[in-house]
């Protein structure tokens, strides 16, 4: 996968870059990425220039806390539940919600939105 670099001029092969970084990481650095720096941020690997990444969840939209509790959540849109969106079979609406979620994440410096409403492990919806 390639994409424009930060300057918009050249392209970057992100898969090759990721494989190269993984090859340079120690086992301890890889494990630290899995443990996190706090509840909502990954650990940085400064030696390799890997920044801390902000993650967030929320079953119906962005949920980002600025401090110690639900009272400190940043304002965000509450979308219908994932099952309601899926049962509409409206792919354009689903795309529009995805775009809106991405815009809210970018506005709040969230790099990864976790998907607790998505259960990709179920192959049979009746099981």
C-alpha atoms as a PDB file:
ATOM      1  CA  UNK A   1       0.000   0.000   0.000  1.00  0.00           C
ATOM      2  CA  UNK A   2       1.399   3.362  -0.959  1.00  0.00           C
ATOM      3  CA  UNK A   3       0.186   6.832  -0.168  1.00  0.00           C
ATOM      4  CA  UNK A   4       1.382  10.418  -0.468  1.00  0.00           C
ATOM      5  CA  UNK A   5       3.942  11.449   2.127  1.00  0.00           C
ATOM      6  CA  UNK A   6       3.287  14.252   4.628  1.00  0.00           C
ATOM      7  CA  UNK A   7       4.447  16.892   2.131  1.00  0.00           C
ATOM      8  CA  UNK A   8       2.070  15.561  -0.526  1.00  0.00           C
ATOM      9  CA  UNK A   9       4.962  15.175  -2.950  1.00  0.00           C
ATOM     10  CA  UNK A  10       6.298  11.627  -2.909  1.00  0.00           C
ATOM     11  CA  UNK A  11       4.765   8.313  -1.966  1.00  0.00           C
ATOM     12  CA  UNK A  12       5.420   6.053   0.992  1.00  0.00           C
ATOM     13  CA  UNK A  13       5.128   2.264   0.970  1.00  0.00           C
ATOM     14  CA  UNK A  14       3.625   1.794   4.434  1.00  0.00           C
ATOM     15  CA  UNK A  15       3.703  -2.003   4.410  1.00  0.00           C
ATOM     16  CA  UNK A  16       7.456  -2.089   3.707  1.00  0.00           C
ATOM     17  CA  UNK A  17       8.035   0.650   6.276  1.00  0.00           C
ATOM     18  CA  UNK A  18       6.044  -1.260   8.928  1.00  0.00           C
ATOM     19  CA  UNK A  19       7.912  -4.496   8.212  1.00  0.00           C
ATOM     20  CA  UNK A  20      11.232  -2.677   8.449  1.00  0.00           C
ATOM     21  CA  UNK A  21      10.308  -1.081  11.781  1.00  0.00           C
ATOM     22  CA  UNK A  22       9.122  -4.411  13.178  1.00  0.00           C
ATOM     23  CA  UNK A  23      12.418  -6.020  12.206  1.00  0.00           C
ATOM     24  CA  UNK A  24      14.292  -3.303  14.116  1.00  0.00           C
ATOM     25  CA  UNK A  25      12.142  -3.514  17.262  1.00  0.00           C
ATOM     26  CA  UNK A  26      13.210  -5.524  20.276  1.00  0.00           C
ATOM     27  CA  UNK A  27      10.799  -8.034  21.819  1.00  0.00           C
ATOM     28  CA  UNK A  28      10.394  -5.675  24.790  1.00  0.00           C
ATOM     29  CA  UNK A  29       9.452  -2.760  22.487  1.00  0.00           C
ATOM     30  CA  UNK A  30       6.852  -4.913  20.720  1.00  0.00           C
ATOM     31  CA  UNK A  31       5.362  -5.966  24.064  1.00  0.00           C
ATOM     32  CA  UNK A  32       5.265  -2.349  25.255  1.00  0.00           C
ATOM     33  CA  UNK A  33       3.127  -1.426  22.231  1.00  0.00           C
ATOM     34  CA  UNK A  34       0.560  -3.961  23.422  1.00  0.00           C
ATOM     35  CA  UNK A  35       0.500  -2.757  27.032  1.00  0.00           C
ATOM     36  CA  UNK A  36      -0.144   0.927  26.388  1.00  0.00           C
ATOM     37  CA  UNK A  37       1.151   4.064  28.074  1.00  0.00           C
ATOM     38  CA  UNK A  38      -2.190   4.660  29.793  1.00  0.00           C
ATOM     39  CA  UNK A  39      -5.819   3.699  29.155  1.00  0.00           C
ATOM     40  CA  UNK A  40      -6.057   5.558  25.848  1.00  0.00           C
ATOM     41  CA  UNK A  41      -2.520   5.877  24.425  1.00  0.00           C
ATOM     42  CA  UNK A  42       0.026   3.434  23.093  1.00  0.00           C
ATOM     43  CA  UNK A  43       3.639   3.696  24.180  1.00  0.00           C
ATOM     44  CA  UNK A  44       6.028   5.537  21.928  1.00  0.00           C
ATOM     45  CA  UNK A  45       9.196   3.872  20.667  1.00  0.00           C
ATOM     46  CA  UNK A  46      11.323   6.995  20.522  1.00  0.00           C
ATOM     47  CA  UNK A  47      14.431   5.137  19.350  1.00  0.00           C
ATOM     48  CA  UNK A  48      12.655   4.356  16.062  1.00  0.00           C
ATOM     49  CA  UNK A  49      10.555   7.519  15.824  1.00  0.00           C
ATOM     50  CA  UNK A  50       7.272   5.701  16.542  1.00  0.00           C
ATOM     51  CA  UNK A  51       4.941   8.159  18.301  1.00  0.00           C
ATOM     52  CA  UNK A  52       2.374   7.419  20.973  1.00  0.00           C
ATOM     53  CA  UNK A  53      -1.007   6.841  19.322  1.00  0.00           C
ATOM     54  CA  UNK A  54      -4.332   7.955  20.801  1.00  0.00           C
ATOM     55  CA  UNK A  55      -7.159   5.411  20.738  1.00  0.00           C
ATOM     56  CA  UNK A  56     -10.803   5.817  21.698  1.00  0.00           C
ATOM     57  CA  UNK A  57     -13.953   3.763  21.793  1.00  0.00           C
ATOM     58  CA  UNK A  58     -17.641   4.202  22.139  1.00  0.00           C
ATOM     59  CA  UNK A  59     -20.300   1.869  20.865  1.00  0.00           C
ATOM     60  CA  UNK A  60     -22.182   4.708  19.166  1.00  0.00           C
ATOM     61  CA  UNK A  61     -19.463   7.204  18.263  1.00  0.00           C
ATOM     62  CA  UNK A  62     -16.324   8.826  19.589  1.00  0.00           C
ATOM     63  CA  UNK A  63     -15.812   8.645  23.351  1.00  0.00           C
ATOM     64  CA  UNK A  64     -12.787  10.585  24.502  1.00  0.00           C
ATOM     65  CA  UNK A  65     -12.261  11.521  28.119  1.00  0.00           C
ATOM     66  CA  UNK A  66     -10.348  14.634  29.110  1.00  0.00           C
ATOM     67  CA  UNK A  67      -9.588  13.734  32.681  1.00  0.00           C
ATOM     68  CA  UNK A  68     -11.075  11.418  35.205  1.00  0.00           C
ATOM     69  CA  UNK A  69     -14.588  10.414  34.301  1.00  0.00           C
ATOM     70  CA  UNK A  70     -17.604  10.443  32.033  1.00  0.00           C
ATOM     71  CA  UNK A  71     -18.321  14.050  33.041  1.00  0.00           C
ATOM     72  CA  UNK A  72     -15.125  15.053  31.241  1.00  0.00           C
ATOM     73  CA  UNK A  73     -16.006  13.524  27.852  1.00  0.00           C
ATOM     74  CA  UNK A  74     -15.438  15.751  24.851  1.00  0.00           C
ATOM     75  CA  UNK A  75     -18.656  16.613  22.988  1.00  0.00           C
ATOM     76  CA  UNK A  76     -19.375  14.085  20.246  1.00  0.00           C
ATOM     77  CA  UNK A  77     -22.180  12.798  18.061  1.00  0.00           C
ATOM     78  CA  UNK A  78     -24.126   9.765  19.278  1.00  0.00           C
ATOM     79  CA  UNK A  79     -24.880   7.613  16.232  1.00  0.00           C
ATOM     80  CA  UNK A  80     -27.365   4.720  16.047  1.00  0.00           C
ATOM     81  CA  UNK A  81     -26.034   1.369  17.217  1.00  0.00           C
ATOM     82  CA  UNK A  82     -23.967  -0.705  14.795  1.00  0.00           C
ATOM     83  CA  UNK A  83     -26.726  -3.329  14.504  1.00  0.00           C
ATOM     84  CA  UNK A  84     -29.288  -0.633  13.622  1.00  0.00           C
ATOM     85  CA  UNK A  85     -27.023   0.810  10.939  1.00  0.00           C
ATOM     86  CA  UNK A  86     -26.263  -2.640   9.517  1.00  0.00           C
ATOM     87  CA  UNK A  87     -29.914  -3.676   9.446  1.00  0.00           C
ATOM     88  CA  UNK A  88     -30.761  -0.599   7.380  1.00  0.00           C
ATOM     89  CA  UNK A  89     -28.733  -2.089   4.485  1.00  0.00           C
ATOM     90  CA  UNK A  90     -28.012   1.513   3.478  1.00  0.00           C
ATOM     91  CA  UNK A  91     -24.374   1.442   2.394  1.00  0.00           C
ATOM     92  CA  UNK A  92     -24.318   5.165   1.583  1.00  0.00           C
ATOM     93  CA  UNK A  93     -25.571   6.040   5.079  1.00  0.00           C
ATOM     94  CA  UNK A  94     -22.957   3.710   6.566  1.00  0.00           C
ATOM     95  CA  UNK A  95     -20.248   5.463   4.531  1.00  0.00           C
ATOM     96  CA  UNK A  96     -21.475   8.894   5.658  1.00  0.00           C
ATOM     97  CA  UNK A  97     -21.374   7.816   9.309  1.00  0.00           C
ATOM     98  CA  UNK A  98     -17.837   6.508   8.780  1.00  0.00           C
ATOM     99  CA  UNK A  99     -16.772   9.859   7.323  1.00  0.00           C
ATOM    100  CA  UNK A 100     -18.367  11.737  10.245  1.00  0.00           C
ATOM    101  CA  UNK A 101     -16.610   9.465  12.757  1.00  0.00           C
ATOM    102  CA  UNK A 102     -13.280  10.036  11.002  1.00  0.00           C
ATOM    103  CA  UNK A 103     -13.789  13.806  11.087  1.00  0.00           C
ATOM    104  CA  UNK A 104     -14.583  13.747  14.827  1.00  0.00           C
ATOM    105  CA  UNK A 105     -11.516  11.590  15.486  1.00  0.00           C
ATOM    106  CA  UNK A 106      -9.264  13.948  13.534  1.00  0.00           C
ATOM    107  CA  UNK A 107     -10.722  16.996  15.300  1.00  0.00           C
ATOM    108  CA  UNK A 108      -9.937  15.366  18.665  1.00  0.00           C
ATOM    109  CA  UNK A 109      -6.482  13.988  17.759  1.00  0.00           C
ATOM    110  CA  UNK A 110      -7.616  10.362  17.942  1.00  0.00           C
ATOM    111  CA  UNK A 111      -5.688   8.118  15.541  1.00  0.00           C
ATOM    112  CA  UNK A 112      -7.566   4.842  16.140  1.00  0.00           C
ATOM    113  CA  UNK A 113     -11.284   4.412  16.809  1.00  0.00           C
ATOM    114  CA  UNK A 114     -11.921   1.006  18.348  1.00  0.00           C
ATOM    115  CA  UNK A 115     -14.984  -0.848  17.072  1.00  0.00           C
ATOM    116  CA  UNK A 116     -16.704  -2.513  20.023  1.00  0.00           C
ATOM    117  CA  UNK A 117     -19.921  -2.892  18.012  1.00  0.00           C
ATOM    118  CA  UNK A 118     -18.206  -5.022  15.371  1.00  0.00           C
ATOM    119  CA  UNK A 119     -17.925  -8.762  15.933  1.00  0.00           C
ATOM    120  CA  UNK A 120     -15.919 -10.126  13.019  1.00  0.00           C
ATOM    121  CA  UNK A 121     -15.363 -13.456  14.795  1.00  0.00           C
ATOM    122  CA  UNK A 122     -18.943 -14.618  14.294  1.00  0.00           C
ATOM    123  CA  UNK A 123     -19.293 -16.540  11.057  1.00  0.00           C
ATOM    124  CA  UNK A 124     -22.845 -17.718  11.762  1.00  0.00           C
ATOM    125  CA  UNK A 125     -25.193 -14.990  13.052  1.00  0.00           C
ATOM    126  CA  UNK A 126     -27.334 -17.633  14.761  1.00  0.00           C
ATOM    127  CA  UNK A 127     -24.531 -19.129  16.861  1.00  0.00           C
END
